[in-house]
Amino acid sequence: MIYRNPFKRLYNASLYSVDGLIHAVRNEQAFRYEAVVFIVLCTALTISPLAVMRRLFLVGMWLLVMALELVNSSVERAFDLIDENFRPEIKAGKDMLSASIFIMVCFNVFLWAVMILL
């Protein structure tokens, strides 16, 4: 489909993105957990004495966790389409995706500790 109007393209792309977020909230348990953590963190930041830029940085870093979770979920679905049977290569790919989120969550815990304590 070719769009002659870039605003129409932007509008449609935004709708697709919102559909993806709704799907993730409804169907991906890990994304729901991360969304709840996001709400709790944002609530905690509203009463925090941290500077606004630090608050924005911490929120942005948690949004990266959530974005990475969306990538993880979508690639895992693609892996499932390749083969529903157990394959060590597919397991390794899924495990590495999971590890990327684990690393980012660990970094966020460290980052929050440093920002709050310093």
C-alpha atoms as a PDB file:
ATOM      1  CA  MET A   1       0.000   0.000   0.000  1.00  0.00           C
ATOM      2  CA  ILE A   2       1.470   3.365  -1.036  1.00  0.00           C
ATOM      3  CA  TYR A   3       0.532   6.429   0.972  1.00  0.00           C
ATOM      4  CA  ARG A   4       0.558   9.746  -0.822  1.00  0.00           C
ATOM      5  CA  ASN A   5      -0.132  11.571   2.414  1.00  0.00           C
ATOM      6  CA  PRO A   6       2.628  11.125   5.044  1.00  0.00           C
ATOM      7  CA  PHE A   7       0.235  12.141   7.817  1.00  0.00           C
ATOM      8  CA  LYS A   8      -2.096   9.284   6.874  1.00  0.00           C
ATOM      9  CA  ARG A   9       0.894   6.918   7.025  1.00  0.00           C
ATOM     10  CA  LEU A  10       1.881   8.275  10.449  1.00  0.00           C
ATOM     11  CA  TYR A  11      -1.704   7.951  11.670  1.00  0.00           C
ATOM     12  CA  ASN A  12      -1.970   4.330  10.500  1.00  0.00           C
ATOM     13  CA  ALA A  13       1.455   3.443  11.916  1.00  0.00           C
ATOM     14  CA  SER A  14       0.376   4.885  15.263  1.00  0.00           C
ATOM     15  CA  LEU A  15      -2.778   2.774  15.225  1.00  0.00           C
ATOM     16  CA  TYR A  16      -0.724  -0.367  14.499  1.00  0.00           C
ATOM     17  CA  SER A  17       1.580   0.484  17.401  1.00  0.00           C
ATOM     18  CA  VAL A  18      -1.342   0.950  19.780  1.00  0.00           C
ATOM     19  CA  ASP A  19      -2.779  -2.374  18.586  1.00  0.00           C
ATOM     20  CA  GLY A  20       0.566  -4.000  19.389  1.00  0.00           C
ATOM     21  CA  LEU A  21       0.605  -2.525  22.888  1.00  0.00           C
ATOM     22  CA  ILE A  22      -2.963  -3.643  23.541  1.00  0.00           C
ATOM     23  CA  HIS A  23      -2.112  -7.134  22.322  1.00  0.00           C
ATOM     24  CA  ALA A  24       0.961  -7.263  24.582  1.00  0.00           C
ATOM     25  CA  VAL A  25      -1.016  -6.152  27.636  1.00  0.00           C
ATOM     26  CA  ARG A  26      -3.736  -8.718  26.956  1.00  0.00           C
ATOM     27  CA  ASN A  27      -1.541 -11.673  25.978  1.00  0.00           C
ATOM     28  CA  GLU A  28       1.974 -11.288  27.390  1.00  0.00           C
ATOM     29  CA  GLN A  29       2.262 -11.891  31.108  1.00  0.00           C
ATOM     30  CA  ALA A  30       5.837 -10.595  31.368  1.00  0.00           C
ATOM     31  CA  PHE A  31       4.843  -7.353  29.638  1.00  0.00           C
ATOM     32  CA  ARG A  32       1.967  -6.908  32.085  1.00  0.00           C
ATOM     33  CA  TYR A  33       4.367  -7.365  35.016  1.00  0.00           C
ATOM     34  CA  GLU A  34       6.726  -4.800  33.522  1.00  0.00           C
ATOM     35  CA  ALA A  35       3.822  -2.392  32.977  1.00  0.00           C
ATOM     36  CA  VAL A  36       2.825  -2.738  36.636  1.00  0.00           C
ATOM     37  CA  VAL A  37       6.419  -2.098  37.692  1.00  0.00           C
ATOM     38  CA  PHE A  38       6.413   0.952  35.398  1.00  0.00           C
ATOM     39  CA  ILE A  39       3.306   2.337  37.106  1.00  0.00           C
ATOM     40  CA  VAL A  40       4.766   1.696  40.564  1.00  0.00           C
ATOM     41  CA  LEU A  41       8.073   3.318  39.605  1.00  0.00           C
ATOM     42  CA  CYS A  42       6.351   6.363  38.108  1.00  0.00           C
ATOM     43  CA  THR A  43       4.228   6.694  41.237  1.00  0.00           C
ATOM     44  CA  ALA A  44       7.324   6.465  43.426  1.00  0.00           C
ATOM     45  CA  LEU A  45       9.062   9.090  41.320  1.00  0.00           C
ATOM     46  CA  THR A  46       6.234  11.574  41.814  1.00  0.00           C
ATOM     47  CA  ILE A  47       7.093  11.764  45.508  1.00  0.00           C
ATOM     48  CA  SER A  48      10.832  11.452  44.958  1.00  0.00           C
ATOM     49  CA  PRO A  49      13.195  14.352  45.651  1.00  0.00           C
ATOM     50  CA  LEU A  50      15.247  13.476  42.556  1.00  0.00           C
ATOM     51  CA  ALA A  51      15.815  16.108  39.903  1.00  0.00           C
ATOM     52  CA  VAL A  52      13.446  16.030  36.930  1.00  0.00           C
ATOM     53  CA  MET A  53      16.185  14.920  34.517  1.00  0.00           C
ATOM     54  CA  ARG A  54      17.084  11.965  36.742  1.00  0.00           C
ATOM     55  CA  ARG A  55      13.421  10.999  36.944  1.00  0.00           C
ATOM     56  CA  LEU A  56      13.070  11.144  33.174  1.00  0.00           C
ATOM     57  CA  PHE A  57      16.221   9.091  32.752  1.00  0.00           C
ATOM     58  CA  LEU A  58      14.959   6.376  35.109  1.00  0.00           C
ATOM     59  CA  VAL A  59      11.566   6.261  33.391  1.00  0.00           C
ATOM     60  CA  GLY A  60      13.254   6.060  30.002  1.00  0.00           C
ATOM     61  CA  MET A  61      15.491   3.208  31.092  1.00  0.00           C
ATOM     62  CA  TRP A  62      12.491   1.196  32.290  1.00  0.00           C
ATOM     63  CA  LEU A  63      10.717   1.922  28.999  1.00  0.00           C
ATOM     64  CA  LEU A  64      13.719   0.296  27.310  1.00  0.00           C
ATOM     65  CA  VAL A  65      13.026  -2.853  29.345  1.00  0.00           C
ATOM     66  CA  MET A  66       9.440  -2.813  28.126  1.00  0.00           C
ATOM     67  CA  ALA A  67      10.479  -2.207  24.516  1.00  0.00           C
ATOM     68  CA  LEU A  68      12.946  -5.084  24.717  1.00  0.00           C
ATOM     69  CA  GLU A  69      10.160  -7.290  26.087  1.00  0.00           C
ATOM     70  CA  LEU A  70       8.073  -6.462  23.016  1.00  0.00           C
ATOM     71  CA  VAL A  71      10.984  -7.468  20.780  1.00  0.00           C
ATOM     72  CA  ASN A  72      11.433 -10.667  22.793  1.00  0.00           C
ATOM     73  CA  SER A  73       7.760 -11.590  22.530  1.00  0.00           C
ATOM     74  CA  SER A  74       7.572 -10.929  18.803  1.00  0.00           C
ATOM     75  CA  VAL A  75      10.722 -12.912  17.983  1.00  0.00           C
ATOM     76  CA  GLU A  76       9.573 -15.788  20.186  1.00  0.00           C
ATOM     77  CA  ARG A  77       6.332 -15.894  18.202  1.00  0.00           C
ATOM     78  CA  ALA A  78       8.330 -16.023  14.998  1.00  0.00           C
ATOM     79  CA  PHE A  79      10.411 -18.878  16.427  1.00  0.00           C
ATOM     80  CA  ASP A  80       7.196 -20.732  17.279  1.00  0.00           C
ATOM     81  CA  LEU A  81       6.067 -20.404  13.668  1.00  0.00           C
ATOM     82  CA  ILE A  82       9.303 -21.978  12.457  1.00  0.00           C
ATOM     83  CA  ASP A  83       8.820 -25.162  14.447  1.00  0.00           C
ATOM     84  CA  GLU A  84       6.541 -26.043  17.346  1.00  0.00           C
ATOM     85  CA  ASN A  85       8.691 -29.043  18.266  1.00  0.00           C
ATOM     86  CA  PHE A  86      11.652 -28.737  20.599  1.00  0.00           C
ATOM     87  CA  ARG A  87      14.804 -27.691  18.817  1.00  0.00           C
ATOM     88  CA  PRO A  88      17.989 -26.761  20.679  1.00  0.00           C
ATOM     89  CA  GLU A  89      18.666 -23.876  18.273  1.00  0.00           C
ATOM     90  CA  ILE A  90      15.261 -22.321  18.912  1.00  0.00           C
ATOM     91  CA  LYS A  91      15.628 -22.816  22.668  1.00  0.00           C
ATOM     92  CA  ALA A  92      19.025 -21.103  22.545  1.00  0.00           C
ATOM     93  CA  GLY A  93      17.544 -18.164  20.624  1.00  0.00           C
ATOM     94  CA  LYS A  94      14.690 -17.789  23.099  1.00  0.00           C
ATOM     95  CA  ASP A  95      17.082 -18.079  26.041  1.00  0.00           C
ATOM     96  CA  MET A  96      19.327 -15.365  24.604  1.00  0.00           C
ATOM     97  CA  LEU A  97      16.351 -13.064  24.137  1.00  0.00           C
ATOM     98  CA  SER A  98      15.347 -13.704  27.725  1.00  0.00           C
ATOM     99  CA  ALA A  99      18.919 -13.026  28.836  1.00  0.00           C
ATOM    100  CA  SER A 100      18.850  -9.628  27.121  1.00  0.00           C
ATOM    101  CA  ILE A 101      15.847  -8.631  29.212  1.00  0.00           C
ATOM    102  CA  PHE A 102      17.464 -10.038  32.353  1.00  0.00           C
ATOM    103  CA  ILE A 103      20.578  -7.928  31.731  1.00  0.00           C
ATOM    104  CA  MET A 104      18.484  -4.806  31.211  1.00  0.00           C
ATOM    105  CA  VAL A 105      16.418  -5.420  34.356  1.00  0.00           C
ATOM    106  CA  CYS A 106      19.598  -5.990  36.398  1.00  0.00           C
ATOM    107  CA  PHE A 107      21.064  -2.779  35.004  1.00  0.00           C
ATOM    108  CA  ASN A 108      17.874  -0.931  35.930  1.00  0.00           C
ATOM    109  CA  VAL A 109      18.013  -2.226  39.512  1.00  0.00           C
ATOM    110  CA  PHE A 110      21.630  -1.076  39.736  1.00  0.00           C
ATOM    111  CA  LEU A 111      20.796   2.268  38.129  1.00  0.00           C
ATOM    112  CA  TRP A 112      17.878   2.938  40.485  1.00  0.00           C
ATOM    113  CA  ALA A 113      20.044   2.065  43.494  1.00  0.00           C
ATOM    114  CA  VAL A 114      22.796   4.431  42.363  1.00  0.00           C
ATOM    115  CA  MET A 115      20.389   7.268  41.528  1.00  0.00           C
ATOM    116  CA  ILE A 116      18.564   7.000  44.838  1.00  0.00           C
ATOM    117  CA  LEU A 117      21.658   6.594  47.003  1.00  0.00           C
ATOM    118  CA  LEU A 118      23.792   9.284  45.341  1.00  0.00           C
END
